[in-house]
Amino acid sequence: MTQSLPRSDVDTDTLAPGPIEPAILDRSRSPLPDWFAVAACRGRAELFYPRPHETPPDRRFRELRASYVCRVCPAIDDCRRWARQHREFGYWGGETEEMRRAAGYPPMTTPHHWRARPTRTDAAPGRPI
């Protein structure tokens, strides 16, 4: 069994190859923007991010419920701006990924298992699923 060194014995100079930015060391500053604190969606991630292998009807219902939360949120404009600047996936600022993509802000990546599965009712006429 190995023992870890007490925190005071760790040589912090060897942990970082270069100088550390002062902002990183300032623990009083939150890494999140101020508007996160007043966002109506706090604690409701299940409405804003798809479950693995979510079906399109389930996605539409989830996003409809998320839209109700966004409509009354005091931070909706800041949230939308954040999502567009950071190329987020999921439902942000009253917008779906498709809405942001149409506005010229596609998400950086979407985990493949989080994408909605097509169903027979979602197929375009004459196109196979």
Protein backbone atom coordinates (compact mmCIF):
# COMPACT_ATOMS: atom_id res chain seq x y z
CA MET A 1 0.00 0.00 0.00
CA THR A 2 1.39 3.40 -0.94
CA GLN A 3 1.15 6.46 1.20
CA SER A 4 0.53 9.89 -0.22
CA LEU A 5 2.63 12.80 0.93
CA PRO A 6 1.01 15.43 3.12
CA ARG A 7 -0.03 18.48 1.12
CA SER A 8 2.74 20.63 2.63
CA ASP A 9 5.40 18.23 1.29
CA VAL A 10 4.33 18.59 -2.36
CA ASP A 11 6.78 20.60 -4.43
CA THR A 12 4.43 22.86 -6.39
CA ASP A 13 7.27 24.06 -8.65
CA THR A 14 7.44 20.65 -10.30
CA LEU A 15 3.68 20.42 -10.91
CA ALA A 16 3.44 23.23 -13.46
CA PRO A 17 5.93 23.51 -16.32
CA GLY A 18 5.57 27.28 -16.57
CA PRO A 19 4.30 30.26 -14.61
CA ILE A 20 0.74 30.04 -13.33
CA GLU A 21 -1.62 32.85 -14.15
CA PRO A 22 -2.61 34.85 -11.04
CA ALA A 23 -6.31 34.46 -11.94
CA ILE A 24 -6.00 30.68 -11.63
CA LEU A 25 -4.62 31.00 -8.12
CA ASP A 26 -7.32 33.43 -6.99
CA ARG A 27 -9.84 31.11 -5.34
CA SER A 28 -12.23 33.98 -4.54
CA ARG A 29 -13.13 34.34 -8.22
CA SER A 30 -15.70 31.94 -9.59
CA PRO A 31 -14.91 30.34 -12.97
CA LEU A 32 -18.55 30.90 -13.94
CA PRO A 33 -20.04 34.20 -15.08
CA ASP A 34 -22.18 36.17 -12.62
CA TRP A 35 -25.42 35.42 -14.46
CA PHE A 36 -25.12 31.70 -13.62
CA ALA A 37 -26.14 32.56 -10.05
CA VAL A 38 -29.53 33.94 -11.14
CA ALA A 39 -30.26 31.49 -13.96
CA ALA A 40 -33.65 29.79 -13.61
CA CYS A 41 -32.20 26.51 -14.90
CA ARG A 42 -29.85 25.88 -11.97
CA GLY A 43 -30.30 22.30 -10.80
CA ARG A 44 -32.42 21.29 -13.80
CA ALA A 45 -29.82 19.84 -16.18
CA GLU A 46 -32.17 17.02 -17.17
CA LEU A 47 -34.23 19.56 -19.14
CA PHE A 48 -31.33 21.13 -20.98
CA TYR A 49 -29.15 18.18 -21.98
CA PRO A 50 -30.33 15.04 -23.74
CA ARG A 51 -30.14 11.63 -22.17
CA PRO A 52 -28.16 9.02 -24.12
CA HIS A 53 -30.18 7.68 -27.06
CA GLU A 54 -33.03 10.14 -26.54
CA THR A 55 -35.73 9.80 -29.20
CA PRO A 56 -36.83 12.84 -31.22
CA PRO A 57 -40.30 12.97 -29.59
CA ASP A 58 -38.68 12.83 -26.15
CA ARG A 59 -36.26 15.56 -27.19
CA ARG A 60 -39.05 17.84 -28.41
CA PHE A 61 -40.94 17.36 -25.14
CA ARG A 62 -37.80 18.01 -23.04
CA GLU A 63 -36.95 21.13 -25.04
CA LEU A 64 -40.53 22.40 -24.74
CA ARG A 65 -40.27 22.10 -20.95
CA ALA A 66 -36.85 23.82 -21.05
CA SER A 67 -38.33 26.67 -23.10
CA TYR A 68 -40.83 27.38 -20.31
CA VAL A 69 -37.96 27.77 -17.85
CA CYS A 70 -36.03 30.02 -20.24
CA ARG A 71 -39.01 32.31 -20.88
CA VAL A 72 -39.04 33.50 -17.28
CA CYS A 73 -35.27 33.50 -16.76
CA PRO A 74 -33.63 36.89 -16.07
CA ALA A 75 -30.39 35.64 -17.65
CA ILE A 76 -31.74 34.42 -20.99
CA ASP A 77 -29.83 36.95 -23.14
CA ASP A 78 -26.53 36.37 -21.32
CA CYS A 79 -27.07 32.62 -21.51
CA ARG A 80 -27.73 32.72 -25.25
CA ARG A 81 -24.63 34.84 -25.80
CA TRP A 82 -22.54 32.41 -23.69
CA ALA A 83 -23.81 29.38 -25.62
CA ARG A 84 -23.03 31.00 -28.94
CA GLN A 85 -19.56 32.18 -27.92
CA HIS A 86 -18.59 28.86 -26.33
CA ARG A 87 -20.27 26.65 -28.95
CA GLU A 88 -22.25 24.76 -26.32
CA PHE A 89 -24.49 21.79 -27.01
CA GLY A 90 -27.84 21.29 -25.35
CA TYR A 91 -30.61 23.83 -24.81
CA TRP A 92 -29.23 27.27 -23.82
CA GLY A 93 -30.80 30.71 -23.72
CA GLY A 94 -34.05 29.56 -25.29
CA GLU A 95 -32.24 27.99 -28.25
CA THR A 96 -31.75 24.44 -29.40
CA GLU A 97 -28.52 23.30 -31.02
CA GLU A 98 -30.29 23.48 -34.37
CA MET A 99 -31.33 27.10 -33.77
CA ARG A 100 -27.76 28.09 -32.90
CA ARG A 101 -26.43 26.18 -35.90
CA ALA A 102 -28.89 28.04 -38.17
CA ALA A 103 -27.70 31.33 -36.64
CA GLY A 104 -24.10 30.40 -37.51
CA TYR A 105 -23.03 29.04 -34.11
CA PRO A 106 -22.80 25.24 -34.37
CA PRO A 107 -21.77 23.35 -31.22
CA MET A 108 -18.12 22.31 -31.12
CA THR A 109 -18.94 18.66 -30.50
CA THR A 110 -21.94 16.63 -29.55
CA PRO A 111 -21.27 13.21 -28.09
CA HIS A 112 -22.64 10.75 -30.63
CA HIS A 113 -24.62 8.85 -28.02
CA TRP A 114 -26.41 12.09 -27.02
CA ARG A 115 -27.85 12.75 -30.47
CA ALA A 116 -31.49 12.01 -30.95
CA ARG A 117 -32.30 8.77 -32.73
CA PRO A 118 -34.49 9.15 -35.80
CA THR A 119 -37.90 7.49 -35.77
CA ARG A 120 -40.21 6.59 -38.62
CA THR A 121 -42.27 9.75 -38.05
CA ASP A 122 -39.14 11.95 -38.33
CA ALA A 123 -38.03 10.59 -41.68
CA ALA A 124 -38.44 12.92 -44.63
CA PRO A 125 -40.84 11.62 -47.30
CA GLY A 126 -39.00 9.36 -49.72
CA ARG A 127 -35.85 9.20 -47.56
CA PRO A 128 -34.90 6.06 -45.66
CA ILE A 129 -33.97 6.26 -42.00
